[in-house]
Amino acid sequence: MERYLFVTHTDCADPSREDEFNYWYNNIHVPDMLETPGMISATRWENVHPRDNNRRKYIALYELETDDVEKFDEILKEMGRKSKERGRLSDLIVLDPPDVPRIIYRQVMPTKKQ
């Protein structure tokens, strides 16, 4: 089975509600994402040097394992639709524009640790 990294770039639509956004992302959205078969871990990062022209303030990195990345991507989209139907998506999330392709990287070297 191959390992992949799924990358998302996000912002909070209302900076005055950023704590609420981060709570939702960490405690609702990430656990929902980890229910996707093949998803093995998730982490989020904040840009420490934000500038007006930067892509997004936050990134989320999801590690996954699958034999069929295209099928996984379809399952992930379906999980997103179900989350929306269940009312578990936040009105605060700002994603990359819809025409930006999903960013999924295939691992080419195992993780090295010091």
C-alpha atoms as a PDB file:
ATOM      1  CA  MET A   1       0.000   0.000   0.000  1.00  0.00           C
ATOM      2  CA  GLU A   2       1.334   3.430  -0.873  1.00  0.00           C
ATOM      3  CA  ARG A   3       1.388   6.389   1.479  1.00  0.00           C
ATOM      4  CA  TYR A   4       0.146   9.853   0.497  1.00  0.00           C
ATOM      5  CA  LEU A   5      -0.128  13.327   1.966  1.00  0.00           C
ATOM      6  CA  PHE A   6      -3.332  15.314   1.416  1.00  0.00           C
ATOM      7  CA  VAL A   7      -2.777  19.073   1.856  1.00  0.00           C
ATOM      8  CA  THR A   8      -5.440  21.740   2.395  1.00  0.00           C
ATOM      9  CA  HIS A   9      -4.955  25.491   2.763  1.00  0.00           C
ATOM     10  CA  THR A  10      -7.558  27.405   4.783  1.00  0.00           C
ATOM     11  CA  ASP A  11      -8.406  30.710   6.401  1.00  0.00           C
ATOM     12  CA  CYS A  12     -11.015  31.828   8.907  1.00  0.00           C
ATOM     13  CA  ALA A  13     -13.690  33.997   7.267  1.00  0.00           C
ATOM     14  CA  ASP A  14     -14.072  36.144  10.401  1.00  0.00           C
ATOM     15  CA  PRO A  15     -10.851  36.881  12.329  1.00  0.00           C
ATOM     16  CA  SER A  16     -12.886  37.849  15.415  1.00  0.00           C
ATOM     17  CA  ARG A  17     -14.134  34.207  15.533  1.00  0.00           C
ATOM     18  CA  GLU A  18     -10.778  32.533  14.943  1.00  0.00           C
ATOM     19  CA  ASP A  19     -10.879  30.636  18.261  1.00  0.00           C
ATOM     20  CA  GLU A  20     -14.259  29.186  17.272  1.00  0.00           C
ATOM     21  CA  PHE A  21     -12.873  28.266  13.828  1.00  0.00           C
ATOM     22  CA  ASN A  22      -9.849  26.506  15.298  1.00  0.00           C
ATOM     23  CA  TYR A  23     -12.006  24.669  17.839  1.00  0.00           C
ATOM     24  CA  TRP A  24     -14.315  23.457  15.037  1.00  0.00           C
ATOM     25  CA  TYR A  25     -11.405  22.445  12.808  1.00  0.00           C
ATOM     26  CA  ASN A  26      -9.485  20.573  15.529  1.00  0.00           C
ATOM     27  CA  ASN A  27     -12.411  18.954  17.364  1.00  0.00           C
ATOM     28  CA  ILE A  28     -15.074  18.386  14.699  1.00  0.00           C
ATOM     29  CA  HIS A  29     -13.591  18.521  11.209  1.00  0.00           C
ATOM     30  CA  VAL A  30     -10.341  16.613  11.791  1.00  0.00           C
ATOM     31  CA  PRO A  31     -12.103  13.734  13.642  1.00  0.00           C
ATOM     32  CA  ASP A  32     -14.632  13.563  10.787  1.00  0.00           C
ATOM     33  CA  MET A  33     -11.776  13.419   8.259  1.00  0.00           C
ATOM     34  CA  LEU A  34     -10.064  10.649  10.238  1.00  0.00           C
ATOM     35  CA  GLU A  35     -13.193   8.497   9.765  1.00  0.00           C
ATOM     36  CA  THR A  36     -12.279   8.216   6.070  1.00  0.00           C
ATOM     37  CA  PRO A  37     -10.997   4.675   5.415  1.00  0.00           C
ATOM     38  CA  GLY A  38      -7.238   4.851   4.809  1.00  0.00           C
ATOM     39  CA  MET A  39      -6.733   8.154   6.654  1.00  0.00           C
ATOM     40  CA  ILE A  40      -4.062   7.545   9.301  1.00  0.00           C
ATOM     41  CA  SER A  41      -3.144  10.939  10.781  1.00  0.00           C
ATOM     42  CA  ALA A  42      -3.809  14.662  10.667  1.00  0.00           C
ATOM     43  CA  THR A  43      -2.023  17.802  11.799  1.00  0.00           C
ATOM     44  CA  ARG A  44      -2.518  21.549  11.297  1.00  0.00           C
ATOM     45  CA  TRP A  45      -0.026  24.369  10.986  1.00  0.00           C
ATOM     46  CA  GLU A  46      -0.261  28.156  11.180  1.00  0.00           C
ATOM     47  CA  ASN A  47       1.835  30.541   9.095  1.00  0.00           C
ATOM     48  CA  VAL A  48       4.024  32.495  11.538  1.00  0.00           C
ATOM     49  CA  HIS A  49       4.861  35.184   8.968  1.00  0.00           C
ATOM     50  CA  PRO A  50       1.537  35.933   7.282  1.00  0.00           C
ATOM     51  CA  ARG A  51       1.470  38.561   4.572  1.00  0.00           C
ATOM     52  CA  ASP A  52      -1.457  39.942   2.624  1.00  0.00           C
ATOM     53  CA  ASN A  53      -0.474  38.047  -0.526  1.00  0.00           C
ATOM     54  CA  ASN A  54       0.182  34.665   1.105  1.00  0.00           C
ATOM     55  CA  ARG A  55      -1.947  31.754   0.050  1.00  0.00           C
ATOM     56  CA  ARG A  56      -3.718  30.948   3.328  1.00  0.00           C
ATOM     57  CA  LYS A  57      -2.965  31.302   7.052  1.00  0.00           C
ATOM     58  CA  TYR A  58      -3.421  27.594   7.878  1.00  0.00           C
ATOM     59  CA  ILE A  59      -2.552  24.284   6.304  1.00  0.00           C
ATOM     60  CA  ALA A  60      -3.763  20.852   7.288  1.00  0.00           C
ATOM     61  CA  LEU A  61      -1.738  17.760   6.443  1.00  0.00           C
ATOM     62  CA  TYR A  62      -3.459  14.391   6.328  1.00  0.00           C
ATOM     63  CA  GLU A  63      -1.472  11.167   5.915  1.00  0.00           C
ATOM     64  CA  LEU A  64      -3.220   8.314   4.178  1.00  0.00           C
ATOM     65  CA  GLU A  65      -2.528   4.861   2.816  1.00  0.00           C
ATOM     66  CA  THR A  66      -4.287   3.384  -0.190  1.00  0.00           C
ATOM     67  CA  ASP A  67      -3.782   1.169  -3.207  1.00  0.00           C
ATOM     68  CA  ASP A  68      -6.061   3.426  -5.290  1.00  0.00           C
ATOM     69  CA  VAL A  69      -5.625   7.171  -4.748  1.00  0.00           C
ATOM     70  CA  GLU A  70      -8.394   8.046  -7.234  1.00  0.00           C
ATOM     71  CA  LYS A  71     -10.907   5.872  -5.368  1.00  0.00           C
ATOM     72  CA  PHE A  72      -9.726   7.351  -2.065  1.00  0.00           C
ATOM     73  CA  ASP A  73     -10.272  10.856  -3.445  1.00  0.00           C
ATOM     74  CA  GLU A  74     -13.835   9.945  -4.439  1.00  0.00           C
ATOM     75  CA  ILE A  75     -14.505   8.530  -0.956  1.00  0.00           C
ATOM     76  CA  LEU A  76     -13.055  11.698   0.588  1.00  0.00           C
ATOM     77  CA  LYS A  77     -15.387  13.859  -1.533  1.00  0.00           C
ATOM     78  CA  GLU A  78     -18.338  11.710  -0.441  1.00  0.00           C
ATOM     79  CA  MET A  79     -17.323  12.062   3.227  1.00  0.00           C
ATOM     80  CA  GLY A  80     -17.268  15.842   2.701  1.00  0.00           C
ATOM     81  CA  ARG A  81     -20.769  15.782   1.208  1.00  0.00           C
ATOM     82  CA  LYS A  82     -22.028  13.740   4.171  1.00  0.00           C
ATOM     83  CA  SER A  83     -20.441  16.153   6.652  1.00  0.00           C
ATOM     84  CA  LYS A  84     -22.190  19.032   4.916  1.00  0.00           C
ATOM     85  CA  GLU A  85     -25.531  17.194   4.957  1.00  0.00           C
ATOM     86  CA  ARG A  86     -25.108  16.492   8.695  1.00  0.00           C
ATOM     87  CA  GLY A  87     -24.462  20.195   9.345  1.00  0.00           C
ATOM     88  CA  ARG A  88     -20.883  19.578  10.469  1.00  0.00           C
ATOM     89  CA  LEU A  89     -19.176  22.112   8.181  1.00  0.00           C
ATOM     90  CA  SER A  90     -18.422  25.583   9.487  1.00  0.00           C
ATOM     91  CA  ASP A  91     -19.466  28.817   7.815  1.00  0.00           C
ATOM     92  CA  LEU A  92     -16.068  30.175   8.882  1.00  0.00           C
ATOM     93  CA  ILE A  93     -13.905  28.024   6.605  1.00  0.00           C
ATOM     94  CA  VAL A  94     -12.354  29.669   3.569  1.00  0.00           C
ATOM     95  CA  LEU A  95     -10.760  27.142   1.212  1.00  0.00           C
ATOM     96  CA  ASP A  96      -8.764  27.548  -1.925  1.00  0.00           C
ATOM     97  CA  PRO A  97     -10.996  28.497  -4.852  1.00  0.00           C
ATOM     98  CA  PRO A  98     -12.994  25.546  -6.218  1.00  0.00           C
ATOM     99  CA  ASP A  99     -10.956  25.432  -9.438  1.00  0.00           C
ATOM    100  CA  VAL A 100      -7.755  24.638  -7.529  1.00  0.00           C
ATOM    101  CA  PRO A 101      -7.102  20.893  -7.824  1.00  0.00           C
ATOM    102  CA  ARG A 102      -6.907  18.774  -4.706  1.00  0.00           C
ATOM    103  CA  ILE A 103      -3.312  18.497  -3.571  1.00  0.00           C
ATOM    104  CA  ILE A 104      -2.318  14.896  -2.882  1.00  0.00           C
ATOM    105  CA  TYR A 105       1.333  13.915  -2.822  1.00  0.00           C
ATOM    106  CA  ARG A 106       2.716  10.372  -3.056  1.00  0.00           C
ATOM    107  CA  GLN A 107       5.455   9.568  -0.546  1.00  0.00           C
ATOM    108  CA  VAL A 108       8.793   8.924  -2.261  1.00  0.00           C
ATOM    109  CA  MET A 109      10.967   8.645   0.865  1.00  0.00           C
ATOM    110  CA  PRO A 110      10.070   7.330   4.317  1.00  0.00           C
ATOM    111  CA  THR A 111      10.018   9.793   7.210  1.00  0.00           C
ATOM    112  CA  LYS A 112      13.481  10.299   8.709  1.00  0.00           C
ATOM    113  CA  LYS A 113      13.855  11.208  12.353  1.00  0.00           C
ATOM    114  CA  GLN A 114      16.812  12.587  14.226  1.00  0.00           C
END
